[in-house]
PDB file of all heavy atoms in Angstrom:
ATOM      1  N   GLU A   1    -232.403 -14.162-157.157  1.00  0.00           N
ATOM      2  CA  GLU A   1    -232.493 -14.479-158.681  1.00  0.00           C
ATOM      3  C   GLU A   1    -233.872 -14.814-159.108  1.00  0.00           C
ATOM      4  O   GLU A   1    -234.857 -14.893-158.188  1.00  0.00           O
ATOM      5  CB  GLU A   1    -231.523 -15.525-158.931  1.00  0.00           C
ATOM      6  CG  GLU A   1    -230.061 -15.365-158.589  1.00  0.00           C
ATOM      7  CD  GLU A   1    -229.200 -16.522-158.647  1.00  0.00           C
ATOM      8  OE1 GLU A   1    -229.710 -17.645-158.925  1.00  0.00           O
ATOM      9  OE2 GLU A   1    -227.957 -16.356-158.663  1.00  0.00           O
ATOM     10  N   GLU A   2    -234.106 -15.161-160.318  1.00  0.00           N
ATOM     11  CA  GLU A   2    -235.319 -15.596-160.816  1.00  0.00           C
ATOM     12  C   GLU A   2    -235.762 -16.986-160.209  1.00  0.00           C
ATOM     13  O   GLU A   2    -234.807 -17.682-160.154  1.00  0.00           O
ATOM     14  CB  GLU A   2    -235.364 -15.672-162.291  1.00  0.00           C
ATOM     15  CG  GLU A   2    -235.270 -14.382-163.213  1.00  0.00           C
ATOM     16  CD  GLU A   2    -235.416 -14.631-164.560  1.00  0.00           C
ATOM     17  OE1 GLU A   2    -235.835 -15.884-165.061  1.00  0.00           O
ATOM     18  OE2 GLU A   2    -235.059 -13.628-165.311  1.00  0.00           O
ATOM     19  N   GLY A   3    -236.875 -17.085-159.710  1.00  0.00           N
ATOM     20  CA  GLY A   3    -237.213 -18.362-158.889  1.00  0.00           C
ATOM     21  C   GLY A   3    -237.134 -18.071-157.531  1.00  0.00           C
ATOM     22  O   GLY A   3    -237.635 -18.877-156.624  1.00  0.00           O
ATOM     23  N   ASP A   4    -236.568 -16.940-157.044  1.00  0.00           N
ATOM     24  CA  ASP A   4    -236.531 -16.536-155.649  1.00  0.00           C
ATOM     25  C   ASP A   4    -237.738 -15.709-155.324  1.00  0.00           C
ATOM     26  O   ASP A   4    -238.347 -15.252-156.246  1.00  0.00           O
ATOM     27  CB  ASP A   4    -235.197 -15.851-155.268  1.00  0.00           C
ATOM     28  CG  ASP A   4    -234.044 -16.798-155.426  1.00  0.00           C
ATOM     29  OD1 ASP A   4    -234.121 -17.939-155.364  1.00  0.00           O
ATOM     30  OD2 ASP A   4    -232.765 -16.179-155.564  1.00  0.00           O
ATOM     31  N   HIS A   5    -237.876 -15.355-154.057  1.00  0.00           N
ATOM     32  CA  HIS A   5    -239.082 -14.583-153.511  1.00  0.00           C
ATOM     33  C   HIS A   5    -238.564 -13.612-152.397  1.00  0.00           C
ATOM     34  O   HIS A   5    -237.755 -13.991-151.667  1.00  0.00           O
ATOM     35  CB  HIS A   5    -240.069 -15.440-152.991  1.00  0.00           C
ATOM     36  CG  HIS A   5    -240.618 -16.437-154.037  1.00  0.00           C
ATOM     37  ND1 HIS A   5    -241.610 -16.203-154.823  1.00  0.00           N
ATOM     38  CD2 HIS A   5    -240.138 -17.686-154.252  1.00  0.00           C
ATOM     39  CE1 HIS A   5    -241.836 -17.301-155.638  1.00  0.00           C
ATOM     40  NE2 HIS A   5    -241.006 -18.113-155.382  1.00  0.00           N
ATOM     41  N   VAL A   6    -239.045 -12.377-152.545  1.00  0.00           N
ATOM     42  CA  VAL A   6    -238.780 -11.511-151.411  1.00  0.00           C
ATOM     43  C   VAL A   6    -240.188 -11.020-150.798  1.00  0.00           C
ATOM     44  O   VAL A   6    -241.170 -10.743-151.456  1.00  0.00           O
ATOM     45  CB  VAL A   6    -238.060 -10.204-151.970  1.00  0.00           C
ATOM     46  CG1 VAL A   6    -238.739  -9.491-153.120  1.00  0.00           C
ATOM     47  CG2 VAL A   6    -237.744  -9.272-150.801  1.00  0.00           C
ATOM     48  N   MET A   7    -240.180 -10.919-149.532  1.00  0.00           N
ATOM     49  CA  MET A   7    -241.427 -10.616-148.749  1.00  0.00           C
ATOM     50  C   MET A   7    -241.151  -9.322-147.950  1.00  0.00           C
ATOM     51  O   MET A   7    -240.842  -9.404-146.796  1.00  0.00           O
ATOM     52  CB  MET A   7    -241.762 -11.797-147.828  1.00  0.00           C
ATOM     53  CG  MET A   7    -242.337 -13.010-148.487  1.00  0.00           C
ATOM     54  SD  MET A   7    -242.779 -14.366-147.488  1.00  0.00           S
ATOM     55  CE  MET A   7    -243.977 -13.484-146.387  1.00  0.00           C
ATOM     56  N   PRO A   8    -241.394  -8.106-148.514  1.00  0.00           N
ATOM     57  CA  PRO A   8    -241.171  -6.778-147.863  1.00  0.00           C
ATOM     58  C   PRO A   8    -242.398  -6.536-146.872  1.00  0.00           C
ATOM     59  O   PRO A   8    -243.575  -6.922-147.169  1.00  0.00           O
ATOM     60  CB  PRO A   8    -241.126  -5.890-148.927  1.00  0.00           C
ATOM     61  CG  PRO A   8    -241.894  -6.472-150.070  1.00  0.00           C
ATOM     62  CD  PRO A   8    -241.866  -7.879-149.932  1.00  0.00           C
ATOM     63  N   LYS A   9    -242.239  -5.959-145.774  1.00  0.00           N
ATOM     64  CA  LYS A   9    -243.251  -5.527-144.924  1.00  0.00           C
ATOM     65  C   LYS A   9    -243.938  -4.304-145.507  1.00  0.00           C
ATOM     66  O   LYS A   9    -243.235  -3.364-145.856  1.00  0.00           O
ATOM     67  CB  LYS A   9    -242.739  -5.275-143.577  1.00  0.00           C
ATOM     68  CG  LYS A   9    -243.783  -5.172-142.341  1.00  0.00           C
ATOM     69  CD  LYS A   9    -243.040  -5.089-141.048  1.00  0.00           C
ATOM     70  CE  LYS A   9    -244.176  -5.023-139.900  1.00  0.00           C
ATOM     71  NZ  LYS A   9    -243.526  -5.022-138.682  1.00  0.00           N
ATOM     72  N   LYS A  10    -245.282  -4.438-145.531  1.00  0.00           N
ATOM     73  CA  LYS A  10    -245.949  -3.121-146.165  1.00  0.00           C
ATOM     74  C   LYS A  10    -245.726  -1.942-145.286  1.00  0.00           C
ATOM     75  O   LYS A  10    -245.682  -1.823-144.116  1.00  0.00           O
ATOM     76  CB  LYS A  10    -247.418  -3.514-146.176  1.00  0.00           C
ATOM     77  CG  LYS A  10    -247.913  -4.525-147.093  1.00  0.00           C
ATOM     78  CD  LYS A  10    -249.401  -4.766-146.952  1.00  0.00           C
ATOM     79  CE  LYS A  10    -249.829  -5.976-147.869  1.00  0.00           C
ATOM     80  NZ  LYS A  10    -251.274  -6.300-147.663  1.00  0.00           N
ATOM     81  N   ASP A  11    -245.536  -0.746-145.989  1.00  0.00           N
ATOM     82  CA  ASP A  11    -245.429   0.556-145.605  1.00  0.00           C
ATOM     83  C   ASP A  11    -244.171   0.742-144.677  1.00  0.00           C
ATOM     84  O   ASP A  11    -243.974   1.604-143.878  1.00  0.00           O
ATOM     85  CB  ASP A  11    -246.646   0.884-144.526  1.00  0.00           C
ATOM     86  CG  ASP A  11    -247.996   0.802-145.248  1.00  0.00           C
ATOM     87  OD1 ASP A  11    -248.068   1.229-146.368  1.00  0.00           O
ATOM     88  OD2 ASP A  11    -248.971   0.302-144.685  1.00  0.00           O
ATOM     89  N   TYR A  12    -243.135  -0.013-145.173  1.00  0.00           N
ATOM     90  CA  TYR A  12    -241.861   0.090-144.624  1.00  0.00           C
ATOM     91  C   TYR A  12    -240.823   0.448-145.674  1.00  0.00           C
ATOM     92  O   TYR A  12    -241.110   0.257-146.907  1.00  0.00           O
ATOM     93  CB  TYR A  12    -241.408  -1.101-143.723  1.00  0.00           C
ATOM     94  CG  TYR A  12    -241.982  -1.257-142.313  1.00  0.00           C
ATOM     95  CD1 TYR A  12    -243.351  -1.463-142.217  1.00  0.00           C
ATOM     96  CD2 TYR A  12    -241.121  -0.878-141.238  1.00  0.00           C
ATOM     97  CE1 TYR A  12    -243.847  -1.505-140.871  1.00  0.00           C
ATOM     98  CE2 TYR A  12    -241.719  -0.906-140.022  1.00  0.00           C
ATOM     99  CZ  TYR A  12    -243.094  -1.203-139.788  1.00  0.00           C
ATOM    100  OH  TYR A  12    -243.615  -1.315-138.562  1.00  0.00           O
ATOM    101  N   PRO A  13    -239.588   0.778-145.407  1.00  0.00           N
ATOM    102  CA  PRO A  13    -238.699   1.276-146.423  1.00  0.00           C
ATOM    103  C   PRO A  13    -238.370   0.240-147.600  1.00  0.00           C
ATOM    104  O   PRO A  13    -238.284   0.721-148.632  1.00  0.00           O
ATOM    105  CB  PRO A  13    -237.432   1.608-145.624  1.00  0.00           C
ATOM    106  CG  PRO A  13    -237.974   2.134-144.383  1.00  0.00           C
ATOM    107  CD  PRO A  13    -238.981   1.297-144.126  1.00  0.00           C
ATOM    108  N   LEU A  14    -238.223  -1.037-147.113  1.00  0.00           N
ATOM    109  CA  LEU A  14    -237.894  -1.889-148.198  1.00  0.00           C
ATOM    110  C   LEU A  14    -239.072  -1.990-149.169  1.00  0.00           C
ATOM    111  O   LEU A  14    -238.828  -1.965-150.527  1.00  0.00           O
ATOM    112  CB  LEU A  14    -237.721  -3.380-147.540  1.00  0.00           C
ATOM    113  CG  LEU A  14    -237.478  -4.397-148.624  1.00  0.00           C
ATOM    114  CD1 LEU A  14    -236.322  -4.247-149.562  1.00  0.00           C
ATOM    115  CD2 LEU A  14    -237.403  -5.784-147.931  1.00  0.00           C
ATOM    116  N   CYS A  15    -240.261  -2.082-148.830  1.00  0.00           N
ATOM    117  CA  CYS A  15    -241.382  -2.126-149.645  1.00  0.00           C
ATOM    118  C   CYS A  15    -241.509  -0.849-150.563  1.00  0.00           C
ATOM    119  O   CYS A  15    -241.615  -0.802-151.729  1.00  0.00           O
ATOM    120  CB  CYS A  15    -242.618  -2.244-148.865  1.00  0.00           C
ATOM    121  SG  CYS A  15    -244.204  -2.666-149.885  1.00  0.00           S
ATOM    122  N   GLU A  16    -241.159   0.313-149.912  1.00  0.00           N
ATOM    123  CA  GLU A  16    -241.207   1.516-150.697  1.00  0.00           C
ATOM    124  C   GLU A  16    -240.097   1.557-151.808  1.00  0.00           C
ATOM    125  O   GLU A  16    -240.317   1.875-152.946  1.00  0.00           O
ATOM    126  CB  GLU A  16    -241.009   2.772-149.799  1.00  0.00           C
ATOM    127  CG  GLU A  16    -241.036   4.057-150.494  1.00  0.00           C
ATOM    128  CD  GLU A  16    -240.756   5.306-149.440  1.00  0.00           C
ATOM    129  OE1 GLU A  16    -240.926   4.887-148.276  1.00  0.00           O
ATOM    130  OE2 GLU A  16    -240.520   6.329-149.923  1.00  0.00           O
ATOM    131  N   LEU A  17    -238.952   1.060-151.508  1.00  0.00           N
ATOM    132  CA  LEU A  17    -237.915   1.045-152.304  1.00  0.00           C
ATOM    133  C   LEU A  17    -238.136   0.068-153.566  1.00  0.00           C
ATOM    134  O   LEU A  17    -237.844   0.469-154.747  1.00  0.00           O
ATOM    135  CB  LEU A  17    -236.499   0.579-151.796  1.00  0.00           C
ATOM    136  CG  LEU A  17    -235.927   1.602-150.820  1.00  0.00           C
ATOM    137  CD1 LEU A  17    -234.861   1.043-149.887  1.00  0.00           C
ATOM    138  CD2 LEU A  17    -235.354   2.758-151.566  1.00  0.00           C
ATOM    139  N   ILE A  18    -238.689  -0.963-153.288  1.00  0.00           N
ATOM    140  CA  ILE A  18    -239.099  -1.971-154.342  1.00  0.00           C
ATOM    141  C   ILE A  18    -240.035  -1.303-155.315  1.00  0.00           C
ATOM    142  O   ILE A  18    -240.151  -1.515-156.408  1.00  0.00           O
ATOM    143  CB  ILE A  18    -239.574  -3.309-153.747  1.00  0.00           C
ATOM    144  CG1 ILE A  18    -238.477  -3.958-153.031  1.00  0.00           C
ATOM    145  CG2 ILE A  18    -240.202  -4.149-154.871  1.00  0.00           C
ATOM    146  CD1 ILE A  18    -238.892  -5.234-152.369  1.00  0.00           C
ATOM    147  N   CYS A  19    -241.125  -0.669-154.743  1.00  0.00           N
ATOM    148  CA  CYS A  19    -242.263  -0.125-155.395  1.00  0.00           C
ATOM    149  C   CYS A  19    -241.744   1.098-156.341  1.00  0.00           C
ATOM    150  O   CYS A  19    -242.189   1.272-157.258  1.00  0.00           O
ATOM    151  CB  CYS A  19    -243.465   0.365-154.445  1.00  0.00           C
ATOM    152  SG  CYS A  19    -244.243  -0.944-153.541  1.00  0.00           S
ATOM    153  N   ASN A  20    -240.683   1.762-155.901  1.00  0.00           N
ATOM    154  CA  ASN A  20    -240.134   2.851-156.710  1.00  0.00           C
ATOM    155  C   ASN A  20    -239.633   2.354-157.946  1.00  0.00           C
ATOM    156  O   ASN A  20    -239.527   3.175-158.990  1.00  0.00           O
ATOM    157  CB  ASN A  20    -239.149   3.589-155.818  1.00  0.00           C
ATOM    158  CG  ASN A  20    -239.718   4.445-154.759  1.00  0.00           C
ATOM    159  OD1 ASN A  20    -240.866   4.697-154.721  1.00  0.00           O
ATOM    160  ND2 ASN A  20    -238.869   4.893-153.759  1.00  0.00           N
ATOM    161  N   ASP A  21    -239.096   1.184-157.906  1.00  0.00           N
ATOM    162  CA  ASP A  21    -238.477   0.618-159.255  1.00  0.00           C
ATOM    163  C   ASP A  21    -238.522  -0.867-159.227  1.00  0.00           C
ATOM    164  O   ASP A  21    -237.593  -1.657-159.085  1.00  0.00           O
ATOM    165  CB  ASP A  21    -237.023   1.116-159.273  1.00  0.00           C
ATOM    166  CG  ASP A  21    -236.470   0.955-160.777  1.00  0.00           C
ATOM    167  OD1 ASP A  21    -237.003   0.457-161.628  1.00  0.00           O
ATOM    168  OD2 ASP A  21    -235.306   1.604-160.951  1.00  0.00           O
ATOM    169  N   PRO A  22    -239.773  -1.367-159.487  1.00  0.00           N
ATOM    170  CA  PRO A  22    -239.966  -2.797-159.397  1.00  0.00           C
ATOM    171  C   PRO A  22    -239.309  -3.598-160.358  1.00  0.00           C
ATOM    172  O   PRO A  22    -238.959  -4.842-160.158  1.00  0.00           O
ATOM    173  CB  PRO A  22    -241.417  -3.021-159.551  1.00  0.00           C
ATOM    174  CG  PRO A  22    -241.947  -1.802-160.327  1.00  0.00           C
ATOM    175  CD  PRO A  22    -240.999  -0.603-159.782  1.00  0.00           C
ATOM    176  N   LEU A  23    -238.838  -3.034-161.531  1.00  0.00           N
ATOM    177  CA  LEU A  23    -238.144  -3.701-162.606  1.00  0.00           C
ATOM    178  C   LEU A  23    -236.663  -4.231-162.148  1.00  0.00           C
ATOM    179  O   LEU A  23    -236.053  -4.953-162.874  1.00  0.00           O
ATOM    180  CB  LEU A  23    -238.038  -2.981-163.820  1.00  0.00           C
ATOM    181  CG  LEU A  23    -239.396  -2.581-164.531  1.00  0.00           C
ATOM    182  CD1 LEU A  23    -239.161  -1.782-165.743  1.00  0.00           C
ATOM    183  CD2 LEU A  23    -240.151  -3.874-164.888  1.00  0.00           C
ATOM    184  N   LEU A  24    -236.201  -3.640-161.078  1.00  0.00           N
ATOM    185  CA  LEU A  24    -234.914  -3.924-160.583  1.00  0.00           C
ATOM    186  C   LEU A  24    -234.877  -5.373-159.986  1.00  0.00           C
ATOM    187  O   LEU A  24    -233.797  -6.000-159.786  1.00  0.00           O
ATOM    188  CB  LEU A  24    -234.427  -2.914-159.486  1.00  0.00           C
ATOM    189  CG  LEU A  24    -234.016  -1.592-160.002  1.00  0.00           C
ATOM    190  CD1 LEU A  24    -233.626  -0.726-158.883  1.00  0.00           C
ATOM    191  CD2 LEU A  24    -232.817  -1.665-161.067  1.00  0.00           C
ATOM    192  N   MET A  25    -236.044  -5.860-159.551  1.00  0.00           N
ATOM    193  CA  MET A  25    -236.219  -7.172-158.825  1.00  0.00           C
ATOM    194  C   MET A  25    -236.292  -8.322-159.726  1.00  0.00           C
ATOM    195  O   MET A  25    -237.140  -8.264-160.653  1.00  0.00           O
ATOM    196  CB  MET A  25    -237.474  -7.121-157.894  1.00  0.00           C
ATOM    197  CG  MET A  25    -237.416  -6.121-156.697  1.00  0.00           C
ATOM    198  SD  MET A  25    -236.160  -6.890-155.523  1.00  0.00           S
ATOM    199  CE  MET A  25    -235.327  -5.405-155.082  1.00  0.00           C
TER     200      MET A  25
END
């Protein structure tokens, strides 16, 4: 939720999925 934080590992699938549609986060 807002106020939370996610730390994806660079160059791994989670980071790629977030970068593909950052407005979902």
